Amino acid sequence: MFAALNLIVDIIPFSPTLGVPGTFFRLGWVLAPLTGILLGPIAGGISCTLAGLLSVAMGIQPWTFGIFTPFRSGISALQSGLLVQNRWKLAFAFLSLLIGIWLLLPNGREAWPILSFHVLGVLLIVLLRSKIQTYILSPYLNKVALGVSIAAYCGNISRHLLGNTILLFLWDLSPLIFISAIPLTFIEQLAFTIASAILGGTITKTSIRDILNVNESRANNL
C-alpha cells in the first residue's frame, strides 16, 4: 500500500532540480520519510525502493542518478526509520559517511557551503538522540510534530546529499551549481519539513504510536 502511495506522489512535481534539466523534486520527499517512521527502517526502505523501481520502470522518473535512482527515496525512509527506533548511532554514522565522501571529491570540497544543511542534520542527531523517539511517542501533538519533522528532515537531507554525490560522479557538475542552489534548497527543505510535521501530526491522532510500539518491539526482539 505504501509503495503504491509513494508511487502516486512521485508523479506530482514540487520544484525543478537546478542544474539537471527535465528533473523535479516531487512530493515523495514528504511521504518517503513518513513511510520510514510508520513502517520502520527496513519495511519503509523496501516500500519506497519498490516505489522507485516502479517509477523509473513506468517512465515517471528518468534514470538521472543511474542505477541508484530507485534507491534514493528508500534511503530517506531508512534514515528516518532508524531515528524513530532510537538507532541514532547508525543514522549518525550514515550521514557522516555521506559528508565524508562529499568532502573527498574535489568539486565537493569546493561546494562545501551546501553541507550546512547536512551538518545541521548531524547536530540534530547528536544533540537529540533518543529524544527524537520520545517526542514522536509523546501524547502531546506539538512534541510529536517536532519529532516527526526532525526525523523527516534528517531522512530527506541524507537523500539530498546522496543524490548530489551521485550527480558529481555521473555528471561532473560545477561546484557553483550546488552553491547557487542553496537558497532553493533552503526553501525546499523547509517546505518538506513543515509538510512532514503537519501530515505526521495528523497521522499521530490515529494509530502512529501503536505502529511505532510494534516496530520497536520487533526491533528489540531482533
C-alpha atoms as a PDB file:
ATOM      1  CA  MET A   1       0.000   0.000   0.000  1.00  0.00           C
ATOM      2  CA  PHE A   2       2.756   2.440   0.918  1.00  0.00           C
ATOM      3  CA  ALA A   3       4.692   1.560  -2.224  1.00  0.00           C
ATOM      4  CA  ALA A   4       1.599   2.496  -4.241  1.00  0.00           C
ATOM      5  CA  LEU A   5       1.156   5.740  -2.289  1.00  0.00           C
ATOM      6  CA  ASN A   6       4.797   6.705  -2.817  1.00  0.00           C
ATOM      7  CA  LEU A   7       4.481   5.906  -6.500  1.00  0.00           C
ATOM      8  CA  ILE A   8       1.440   8.175  -6.817  1.00  0.00           C
ATOM      9  CA  VAL A   9       3.019  11.159  -5.062  1.00  0.00           C
ATOM     10  CA  ASP A  10       6.168  10.742  -7.161  1.00  0.00           C
ATOM     11  CA  ILE A  11       4.057  11.842 -10.107  1.00  0.00           C
ATOM     12  CA  ILE A  12       3.410  15.253  -8.517  1.00  0.00           C
ATOM     13  CA  PRO A  13       6.310  17.728  -9.107  1.00  0.00           C
ATOM     14  CA  PHE A  14       7.278  20.201  -6.374  1.00  0.00           C
ATOM     15  CA  SER A  15      10.072  22.265  -7.957  1.00  0.00           C
ATOM     16  CA  PRO A  16      12.688  21.852 -10.728  1.00  0.00           C
ATOM     17  CA  THR A  17      16.116  20.470  -9.872  1.00  0.00           C
ATOM     18  CA  LEU A  18      18.663  23.200 -10.534  1.00  0.00           C
ATOM     19  CA  GLY A  19      21.405  22.124 -12.937  1.00  0.00           C
ATOM     20  CA  VAL A  20      19.675  18.945 -14.129  1.00  0.00           C
ATOM     21  CA  PRO A  21      17.232  19.802 -16.941  1.00  0.00           C
ATOM     22  CA  GLY A  22      13.966  17.891 -17.030  1.00  0.00           C
ATOM     23  CA  THR A  23      14.084  16.712 -13.419  1.00  0.00           C
ATOM     24  CA  PHE A  24      11.962  17.787 -10.454  1.00  0.00           C
ATOM     25  CA  PHE A  25      11.735  17.455  -6.704  1.00  0.00           C
ATOM     26  CA  ARG A  26       8.478  15.629  -6.077  1.00  0.00           C
ATOM     27  CA  LEU A  27       6.043  15.252  -3.198  1.00  0.00           C
ATOM     28  CA  GLY A  28       7.564  11.863  -2.492  1.00  0.00           C
ATOM     29  CA  TRP A  29      10.106  13.838  -0.460  1.00  0.00           C
ATOM     30  CA  VAL A  30       7.316  14.335   2.097  1.00  0.00           C
ATOM     31  CA  LEU A  31       5.847  10.840   2.125  1.00  0.00           C
ATOM     32  CA  ALA A  32       9.080   8.797   1.959  1.00  0.00           C
ATOM     33  CA  PRO A  33      10.416   9.707   5.436  1.00  0.00           C
ATOM     34  CA  LEU A  34       6.925   9.325   6.912  1.00  0.00           C
ATOM     35  CA  THR A  35       6.848   5.826   5.430  1.00  0.00           C
ATOM     36  CA  GLY A  36      10.029   5.051   7.357  1.00  0.00           C
ATOM     37  CA  ILE A  37       8.513   6.499  10.528  1.00  0.00           C
ATOM     38  CA  LEU A  38       5.371   4.394  10.190  1.00  0.00           C
ATOM     39  CA  LEU A  39       6.822   1.103   8.921  1.00  0.00           C
ATOM     40  CA  GLY A  40      10.323   1.198  10.355  1.00  0.00           C
ATOM     41  CA  PRO A  41      13.671   1.452   8.536  1.00  0.00           C
ATOM     42  CA  ILE A  42      13.574  -1.936   6.760  1.00  0.00           C
ATOM     43  CA  ALA A  43       9.953  -2.227   5.660  1.00  0.00           C
ATOM     44  CA  GLY A  44       9.796   1.513   4.967  1.00  0.00           C
ATOM     45  CA  GLY A  45      13.013   1.463   2.966  1.00  0.00           C
ATOM     46  CA  ILE A  46      11.893  -1.529   0.914  1.00  0.00           C
ATOM     47  CA  SER A  47       8.484   0.047   0.297  1.00  0.00           C
ATOM     48  CA  CYS A  48       9.985   3.302  -1.013  1.00  0.00           C
ATOM     49  CA  THR A  49      12.620   1.468  -3.068  1.00  0.00           C
ATOM     50  CA  LEU A  50       9.882  -0.610  -4.695  1.00  0.00           C
ATOM     51  CA  ALA A  51       8.008   2.589  -5.493  1.00  0.00           C
ATOM     52  CA  GLY A  52      11.213   3.995  -7.002  1.00  0.00           C
ATOM     53  CA  LEU A  53      11.697   0.915  -9.170  1.00  0.00           C
ATOM     54  CA  LEU A  54       8.123   1.140 -10.434  1.00  0.00           C
ATOM     55  CA  SER A  55       8.511   4.873 -11.012  1.00  0.00           C
ATOM     56  CA  VAL A  56      11.519   4.532 -13.309  1.00  0.00           C
ATOM     57  CA  ALA A  57      10.073   1.435 -14.982  1.00  0.00           C
ATOM     58  CA  MET A  58       6.941   3.409 -15.862  1.00  0.00           C
ATOM     59  CA  GLY A  59       8.969   6.390 -17.060  1.00  0.00           C
ATOM     60  CA  ILE A  60       7.752   8.694 -14.287  1.00  0.00           C
ATOM     61  CA  GLN A  61      11.349   9.341 -13.223  1.00  0.00           C
ATOM     62  CA  PRO A  62      14.314   9.418 -15.622  1.00  0.00           C
ATOM     63  CA  TRP A  63      17.483   7.489 -14.783  1.00  0.00           C
ATOM     64  CA  THR A  64      19.161  10.738 -13.728  1.00  0.00           C
ATOM     65  CA  PHE A  65      21.068   9.064 -10.906  1.00  0.00           C
ATOM     66  CA  GLY A  66      21.927   5.909 -12.820  1.00  0.00           C
ATOM     67  CA  ILE A  67      21.271   2.597 -11.096  1.00  0.00           C
ATOM     68  CA  PHE A  68      20.901   4.480  -7.799  1.00  0.00           C
ATOM     69  CA  THR A  69      17.792   6.340  -8.977  1.00  0.00           C
ATOM     70  CA  PRO A  70      15.196   3.971  -7.420  1.00  0.00           C
ATOM     71  CA  PHE A  71      17.010   3.742  -4.072  1.00  0.00           C
ATOM     72  CA  ARG A  72      17.141   7.390  -3.030  1.00  0.00           C
ATOM     73  CA  SER A  73      13.665   7.512  -1.505  1.00  0.00           C
ATOM     74  CA  GLY A  74      14.428   4.248   0.274  1.00  0.00           C
ATOM     75  CA  ILE A  75      17.429   5.925   1.917  1.00  0.00           C
ATOM     76  CA  SER A  76      15.170   8.685   3.221  1.00  0.00           C
ATOM     77  CA  ALA A  77      12.758   6.159   4.738  1.00  0.00           C
ATOM     78  CA  LEU A  78      15.629   4.113   6.169  1.00  0.00           C
ATOM     79  CA  GLN A  79      17.218   7.101   7.885  1.00  0.00           C
ATOM     80  CA  SER A  80      14.008   8.446   9.419  1.00  0.00           C
ATOM     81  CA  GLY A  81      13.032   4.939  10.499  1.00  0.00           C
ATOM     82  CA  LEU A  82      16.356   4.465  12.279  1.00  0.00           C
ATOM     83  CA  LEU A  83      15.833   7.653  14.260  1.00  0.00           C
ATOM     84  CA  VAL A  84      12.308   6.734  15.279  1.00  0.00           C
ATOM     85  CA  GLN A  85      13.512   3.338  16.509  1.00  0.00           C
ATOM     86  CA  ASN A  86      16.259   5.061  18.525  1.00  0.00           C
ATOM     87  CA  ARG A  87      19.049   3.694  16.332  1.00  0.00           C
ATOM     88  CA  TRP A  88      20.535   7.151  16.171  1.00  0.00           C
ATOM     89  CA  LYS A  89      24.128   5.899  16.086  1.00  0.00           C
ATOM     90  CA  LEU A  90      23.538   4.175  12.751  1.00  0.00           C
ATOM     91  CA  ALA A  91      21.757   7.252  11.418  1.00  0.00           C
ATOM     92  CA  PHE A  92      24.649   9.441  12.593  1.00  0.00           C
ATOM     93  CA  ALA A  93      27.244   7.134  11.030  1.00  0.00           C
ATOM     94  CA  PHE A  94      25.447   7.008   7.685  1.00  0.00           C
ATOM     95  CA  LEU A  95      25.008  10.764   7.328  1.00  0.00           C
ATOM     96  CA  SER A  96      28.591  11.381   8.499  1.00  0.00           C
ATOM     97  CA  LEU A  97      29.822   8.886   5.892  1.00  0.00           C
ATOM     98  CA  LEU A  98      27.973  10.747   3.145  1.00  0.00           C
ATOM     99  CA  ILE A  99      29.522  14.041   4.285  1.00  0.00           C
ATOM    100  CA  GLY A 100      32.983  12.456   4.299  1.00  0.00           C
ATOM    101  CA  ILE A 101      32.539  11.094   0.767  1.00  0.00           C
ATOM    102  CA  TRP A 102      31.387  14.526  -0.432  1.00  0.00           C
ATOM    103  CA  LEU A 103      34.489  16.183   1.006  1.00  0.00           C
ATOM    104  CA  LEU A 104      36.746  13.612  -0.680  1.00  0.00           C
ATOM    105  CA  LEU A 105      35.548  14.784  -4.097  1.00  0.00           C
ATOM    106  CA  PRO A 106      37.360  17.873  -5.478  1.00  0.00           C
ATOM    107  CA  ASN A 107      34.151  19.551  -6.673  1.00  0.00           C
ATOM    108  CA  GLY A 108      32.501  18.587  -3.427  1.00  0.00           C
ATOM    109  CA  ARG A 109      35.135  20.338  -1.340  1.00  0.00           C
ATOM    110  CA  GLU A 110      34.710  23.474  -3.430  1.00  0.00           C
ATOM    111  CA  ALA A 111      30.961  23.345  -2.821  1.00  0.00           C
ATOM    112  CA  TRP A 112      31.364  22.861   0.954  1.00  0.00           C
ATOM    113  CA  PRO A 113      28.743  25.530   1.880  1.00  0.00           C
ATOM    114  CA  ILE A 114      25.985  23.163   0.726  1.00  0.00           C
ATOM    115  CA  LEU A 115      26.958  20.888   3.616  1.00  0.00           C
ATOM    116  CA  SER A 116      25.429  23.343   6.092  1.00  0.00           C
ATOM    117  CA  PHE A 117      22.102  21.509   5.693  1.00  0.00           C
ATOM    118  CA  HIS A 118      23.684  18.126   6.340  1.00  0.00           C
ATOM    119  CA  VAL A 119      25.856  19.263   9.240  1.00  0.00           C
ATOM    120  CA  LEU A 120      22.667  20.574  10.834  1.00  0.00           C
ATOM    121  CA  GLY A 121      21.207  17.092  10.441  1.00  0.00           C
ATOM    122  CA  VAL A 122      24.247  15.553  12.153  1.00  0.00           C
ATOM    123  CA  LEU A 123      23.985  18.046  15.013  1.00  0.00           C
ATOM    124  CA  LEU A 124      20.287  17.322  15.473  1.00  0.00           C
ATOM    125  CA  ILE A 125      21.002  13.590  15.664  1.00  0.00           C
ATOM    126  CA  VAL A 126      23.867  14.001  18.155  1.00  0.00           C
ATOM    127  CA  LEU A 127      22.133  16.540  20.368  1.00  0.00           C
ATOM    128  CA  LEU A 128      18.688  14.902  20.495  1.00  0.00           C
ATOM    129  CA  ARG A 129      19.492  11.197  20.065  1.00  0.00           C
ATOM    130  CA  SER A 130      16.768   9.163  21.839  1.00  0.00           C
ATOM    131  CA  LYS A 131      14.662  12.292  22.379  1.00  0.00           C
ATOM    132  CA  ILE A 132      13.505  12.069  18.763  1.00  0.00           C
ATOM    133  CA  GLN A 133      11.714   8.814  19.525  1.00  0.00           C
ATOM    134  CA  THR A 134      10.427  10.222  22.822  1.00  0.00           C
ATOM    135  CA  TYR A 135       8.916  13.218  21.045  1.00  0.00           C
ATOM    136  CA  ILE A 136       7.120  11.065  18.480  1.00  0.00           C
ATOM    137  CA  LEU A 137       5.687   8.779  21.164  1.00  0.00           C
ATOM    138  CA  SER A 138       4.571  11.752  23.245  1.00  0.00           C
ATOM    139  CA  PRO A 139       0.842  12.301  23.871  1.00  0.00           C
ATOM    140  CA  TYR A 140       1.332  15.978  23.043  1.00  0.00           C
ATOM    141  CA  LEU A 141       0.786  16.882  19.424  1.00  0.00           C
ATOM    142  CA  ASN A 142       3.372  19.679  19.372  1.00  0.00           C
ATOM    143  CA  LYS A 143       6.116  17.309  20.534  1.00  0.00           C
ATOM    144  CA  VAL A 144       5.030  14.675  18.030  1.00  0.00           C
ATOM    145  CA  ALA A 145       5.163  17.206  15.207  1.00  0.00           C
ATOM    146  CA  LEU A 146       8.641  18.275  16.351  1.00  0.00           C
ATOM    147  CA  GLY A 147       9.905  14.694  16.458  1.00  0.00           C
ATOM    148  CA  VAL A 148       8.431  13.840  13.064  1.00  0.00           C
ATOM    149  CA  SER A 149       9.857  16.976  11.462  1.00  0.00           C
ATOM    150  CA  ILE A 150      13.368  16.254  12.797  1.00  0.00           C
ATOM    151  CA  ALA A 151      13.306  12.617  11.682  1.00  0.00           C
ATOM    152  CA  ALA A 152      11.903  13.587   8.280  1.00  0.00           C
ATOM    153  CA  TYR A 153      14.468  16.356   7.834  1.00  0.00           C
ATOM    154  CA  CYS A 154      17.374  14.022   8.593  1.00  0.00           C
ATOM    155  CA  GLY A 155      15.941  11.455   6.200  1.00  0.00           C
ATOM    156  CA  ASN A 156      15.462  13.958   3.394  1.00  0.00           C
ATOM    157  CA  ILE A 157      18.828  15.603   3.869  1.00  0.00           C
ATOM    158  CA  SER A 158      20.516  12.180   3.628  1.00  0.00           C
ATOM    159  CA  ARG A 159      18.657  11.570   0.381  1.00  0.00           C
ATOM    160  CA  HIS A 160      19.675  15.032  -0.824  1.00  0.00           C
ATOM    161  CA  LEU A 161      23.382  14.510  -0.173  1.00  0.00           C
ATOM    162  CA  LEU A 162      23.360  11.031  -1.698  1.00  0.00           C
ATOM    163  CA  GLY A 163      21.753  12.448  -4.836  1.00  0.00           C
ATOM    164  CA  ASN A 164      24.235  15.322  -5.042  1.00  0.00           C
ATOM    165  CA  THR A 165      27.164  12.934  -4.623  1.00  0.00           C
ATOM    166  CA  ILE A 166      25.882  10.687  -7.405  1.00  0.00           C
ATOM    167  CA  LEU A 167      25.424  13.722  -9.654  1.00  0.00           C
ATOM    168  CA  LEU A 168      29.068  14.642  -9.114  1.00  0.00           C
ATOM    169  CA  PHE A 169      30.141  11.174 -10.158  1.00  0.00           C
ATOM    170  CA  LEU A 170      27.862  10.915 -13.191  1.00  0.00           C
ATOM    171  CA  TRP A 171      27.569  14.488 -14.431  1.00  0.00           C
ATOM    172  CA  ASP A 172      30.682  16.183 -13.009  1.00  0.00           C
ATOM    173  CA  LEU A 173      28.659  19.328 -12.250  1.00  0.00           C
ATOM    174  CA  SER A 174      30.311  22.612 -11.374  1.00  0.00           C
ATOM    175  CA  PRO A 175      30.508  23.497  -7.657  1.00  0.00           C
ATOM    176  CA  LEU A 176      28.798  26.803  -8.499  1.00  0.00           C
ATOM    177  CA  ILE A 177      25.617  24.929  -9.384  1.00  0.00           C
ATOM    178  CA  PHE A 178      25.358  23.457  -5.892  1.00  0.00           C
ATOM    179  CA  ILE A 179      26.280  26.723  -4.186  1.00  0.00           C
ATOM    180  CA  SER A 180      23.784  28.735  -6.239  1.00  0.00           C
ATOM    181  CA  ALA A 181      21.105  26.187  -5.315  1.00  0.00           C
ATOM    182  CA  ILE A 182      21.442  26.881  -1.571  1.00  0.00           C
ATOM    183  CA  PRO A 183      18.509  29.369  -1.363  1.00  0.00           C
ATOM    184  CA  LEU A 184      16.271  26.996  -3.318  1.00  0.00           C
ATOM    185  CA  THR A 185      17.410  24.067  -1.171  1.00  0.00           C
ATOM    186  CA  PHE A 186      16.569  26.037   1.968  1.00  0.00           C
ATOM    187  CA  ILE A 187      13.034  26.740   0.744  1.00  0.00           C
ATOM    188  CA  GLU A 188      12.525  23.153  -0.366  1.00  0.00           C
ATOM    189  CA  GLN A 189      13.771  21.562   2.844  1.00  0.00           C
ATOM    190  CA  LEU A 190      11.754  23.994   4.942  1.00  0.00           C
ATOM    191  CA  ALA A 191       8.613  23.185   2.960  1.00  0.00           C
ATOM    192  CA  PHE A 192       9.247  19.432   3.156  1.00  0.00           C
ATOM    193  CA  THR A 193       9.845  19.639   6.913  1.00  0.00           C
ATOM    194  CA  ILE A 194       6.716  21.670   7.617  1.00  0.00           C
ATOM    195  CA  ALA A 195       4.602  19.381   5.432  1.00  0.00           C
ATOM    196  CA  SER A 196       6.020  16.322   7.204  1.00  0.00           C
ATOM    197  CA  ALA A 197       5.251  17.841  10.622  1.00  0.00           C
ATOM    198  CA  ILE A 198       1.650  18.626   9.654  1.00  0.00           C
ATOM    199  CA  LEU A 199       0.963  15.294   7.988  1.00  0.00           C
ATOM    200  CA  GLY A 200       2.846  13.328  10.652  1.00  0.00           C
ATOM    201  CA  GLY A 201       0.950  15.084  13.429  1.00  0.00           C
ATOM    202  CA  THR A 202      -2.343  14.307  11.726  1.00  0.00           C
ATOM    203  CA  ILE A 203      -1.489  10.627  11.379  1.00  0.00           C
ATOM    204  CA  THR A 204      -0.476  10.554  15.038  1.00  0.00           C
ATOM    205  CA  LYS A 205      -4.058  11.274  16.038  1.00  0.00           C
ATOM    206  CA  THR A 206      -4.970   7.823  14.726  1.00  0.00           C
ATOM    207  CA  SER A 207      -2.528   4.958  15.159  1.00  0.00           C
ATOM    208  CA  ILE A 208       1.082   6.038  14.677  1.00  0.00           C
ATOM    209  CA  ARG A 209       2.042   5.389  18.307  1.00  0.00           C
ATOM    210  CA  ASP A 210       0.666   1.852  18.137  1.00  0.00           C
ATOM    211  CA  ILE A 211       2.592   1.185  14.930  1.00  0.00           C
ATOM    212  CA  LEU A 212       5.795   2.570  16.400  1.00  0.00           C
ATOM    213  CA  ASN A 213       5.425   0.489  19.543  1.00  0.00           C
ATOM    214  CA  VAL A 214       5.009  -2.653  17.446  1.00  0.00           C
ATOM    215  CA  ASN A 215       8.062  -1.772  15.333  1.00  0.00           C
ATOM    216  CA  GLU A 216      10.097  -1.053  18.458  1.00  0.00           C
ATOM    217  CA  SER A 217       9.139  -4.420  19.952  1.00  0.00           C
ATOM    218  CA  ARG A 218      10.175  -6.168  16.745  1.00  0.00           C
ATOM    219  CA  ALA A 219      13.491  -4.319  16.707  1.00  0.00           C
ATOM    220  CA  ASN A 220      14.178  -5.277  20.329  1.00  0.00           C
ATOM    221  CA  ASN A 221      13.391  -8.917  19.580  1.00  0.00           C
ATOM    222  CA  LEU A 222      15.836  -8.835  16.664  1.00  0.00           C
END
